[in-house]
Amino acid sequence: MAASAEFQTYLADQFALFGSVQIRGMFGGLGIFRDGIMFGLVADEVVYLKSGLQNIEDFEREGMCPFTYEGKNKPVQMSYHQLPDFVLEDPEALSNWAHKAFAVAVQAKAKKPARKKKRKP
């Protein structure tokens, strides 16, 4: 279920110290983007940030779980972890966590090979 307009406005306000973010609807939830790179997602008004080597310990230390959805035959775990409520409520802490998540997202994007365009016959 997509987040309410009020929650989207709240998120944009909370991320203000981090910088301008774009919040867009995706697959029934929301994606959180900066400079065209997705570094967060929202499902049922729960915020998840991109996780990787640079920040996974932060999430694990707080006991936060990864985002998981039901795939065709089994649950699929993504490299996004739930954001602790206390971080979401503190714009300065959120900015710090967002910087790390954005760095992970930038690094992950750099590792992906460029998509080849299909030629028309």
Protein backbone atom coordinates (compact mmCIF):
# COMPACT_ATOMS: atom_id res chain seq x y z
CA MET A 1 0.00 0.00 0.00
CA ALA A 2 1.36 3.44 -0.91
CA ALA A 3 2.09 5.90 1.85
CA SER A 4 -0.25 8.81 2.47
CA ALA A 5 0.47 12.26 1.07
CA GLU A 6 1.01 13.48 4.63
CA PHE A 7 3.65 10.80 5.24
CA GLN A 8 5.39 11.70 1.97
CA THR A 9 5.52 15.36 3.02
CA TYR A 10 6.86 14.31 6.43
CA LEU A 11 9.60 12.26 4.76
CA ALA A 12 10.65 15.11 2.49
CA ASP A 13 10.87 17.41 5.53
CA GLN A 14 12.86 14.87 7.55
CA PHE A 15 15.37 14.39 4.71
CA ALA A 16 15.89 18.17 4.28
CA LEU A 17 19.32 18.18 6.02
CA PHE A 18 20.45 15.41 3.66
CA GLY A 19 19.37 17.42 0.64
CA SER A 20 16.63 17.38 -1.92
CA VAL A 21 15.05 13.96 -2.39
CA GLN A 22 12.42 12.79 -4.81
CA ILE A 23 9.75 10.42 -3.59
CA ARG A 24 8.03 8.42 -6.33
CA GLY A 25 5.43 5.69 -6.42
CA MET A 26 6.80 2.24 -7.26
CA PHE A 27 5.10 -1.16 -7.20
CA GLY A 28 2.53 -0.13 -4.62
CA GLY A 29 5.14 1.56 -2.42
CA LEU A 30 7.54 4.46 -2.77
CA GLY A 31 11.12 4.90 -3.89
CA ILE A 32 13.34 7.57 -2.32
CA PHE A 33 15.79 9.06 -4.83
CA ARG A 34 18.58 11.60 -4.93
CA ASP A 35 20.20 12.60 -8.21
CA GLY A 36 18.24 9.83 -9.96
CA ILE A 37 19.62 7.10 -7.68
CA MET A 38 17.27 5.14 -5.46
CA PHE A 39 18.66 4.78 -1.93
CA GLY A 40 15.49 4.14 0.03
CA LEU A 41 12.04 2.66 -0.22
CA VAL A 42 8.80 2.85 1.69
CA ALA A 43 6.34 -0.01 2.11
CA ASP A 44 3.26 0.42 4.30
CA GLU A 45 4.76 3.64 5.73
CA VAL A 46 7.89 1.79 6.87
CA VAL A 47 11.15 3.32 5.61
CA TYR A 48 14.03 1.15 4.40
CA LEU A 49 17.47 2.41 3.33
CA LYS A 50 19.99 0.79 1.00
CA SER A 51 22.36 -1.44 2.95
CA GLY A 52 25.82 -2.76 2.17
CA LEU A 53 29.30 -3.12 3.61
CA GLN A 54 29.53 0.55 4.65
CA ASN A 55 26.40 0.55 6.82
CA ILE A 56 25.08 -2.97 7.46
CA GLU A 57 26.48 -2.95 11.01
CA ASP A 58 24.41 0.15 11.83
CA PHE A 59 21.21 -1.71 10.97
CA GLU A 60 22.26 -4.93 12.65
CA ARG A 61 23.29 -3.13 15.83
CA GLU A 62 19.72 -1.79 16.05
CA GLY A 63 18.20 -5.20 15.24
CA MET A 64 16.66 -3.97 11.99
CA CYS A 65 15.45 -6.45 9.37
CA PRO A 66 15.95 -6.40 5.62
CA PHE A 67 13.08 -5.65 3.27
CA THR A 68 11.56 -8.92 2.07
CA TYR A 69 8.73 -9.55 -0.35
CA GLU A 70 7.01 -12.70 -1.55
CA GLY A 71 8.48 -13.86 -4.86
CA LYS A 72 6.99 -16.49 -7.18
CA ASN A 73 8.22 -19.48 -5.19
CA LYS A 74 9.88 -18.04 -2.09
CA PRO A 75 10.52 -14.85 -0.13
CA VAL A 76 13.01 -12.45 -1.75
CA GLN A 77 15.31 -10.42 0.50
CA MET A 78 16.59 -7.10 -0.82
CA SER A 79 19.60 -5.04 0.23
CA TYR A 80 17.47 -2.48 2.04
CA HIS A 81 17.04 -2.50 5.81
CA GLN A 82 14.33 -0.99 7.96
CA LEU A 83 15.23 2.38 9.40
CA PRO A 84 14.96 2.64 13.19
CA ASP A 85 12.15 4.98 14.29
CA PHE A 86 14.51 7.09 16.39
CA VAL A 87 16.59 7.84 13.27
CA LEU A 88 13.57 8.85 11.20
CA GLU A 89 12.50 11.22 13.97
CA ASP A 90 15.93 12.94 14.18
CA PRO A 91 16.78 14.86 10.97
CA GLU A 92 20.50 15.04 11.83
CA ALA A 93 20.75 11.29 12.48
CA LEU A 94 18.66 10.63 9.36
CA SER A 95 21.04 12.74 7.29
CA ASN A 96 23.99 10.66 8.50
CA TRP A 97 22.25 7.34 7.77
CA ALA A 98 21.03 8.65 4.39
CA HIS A 99 24.57 9.68 3.36
CA LYS A 100 25.79 6.15 4.04
CA ALA A 101 22.85 4.56 2.23
CA PHE A 102 23.32 6.87 -0.74
CA ALA A 103 27.02 5.96 -0.91
CA VAL A 104 26.06 2.26 -0.96
CA ALA A 105 23.52 2.92 -3.74
CA VAL A 106 26.05 4.88 -5.81
CA GLN A 107 28.60 2.10 -5.44
CA ALA A 108 26.03 -0.57 -6.36
CA LYS A 109 25.00 1.39 -9.45
CA ALA A 110 28.63 1.74 -10.53
CA LYS A 111 29.08 -2.05 -10.38
CA LYS A 112 26.12 -2.75 -12.68
CA PRO A 113 27.01 -3.19 -16.33
CA ALA A 114 25.37 -0.80 -18.76
CA ARG A 115 22.21 -2.15 -20.36
CA LYS A 116 22.49 -2.91 -24.04
CA LYS A 117 19.87 -1.40 -26.28
CA LYS A 118 18.10 -3.82 -28.53
CA ARG A 119 18.48 -3.07 -32.19
CA LYS A 120 15.39 -3.00 -34.33
CA PRO A 121 15.58 -5.26 -37.38
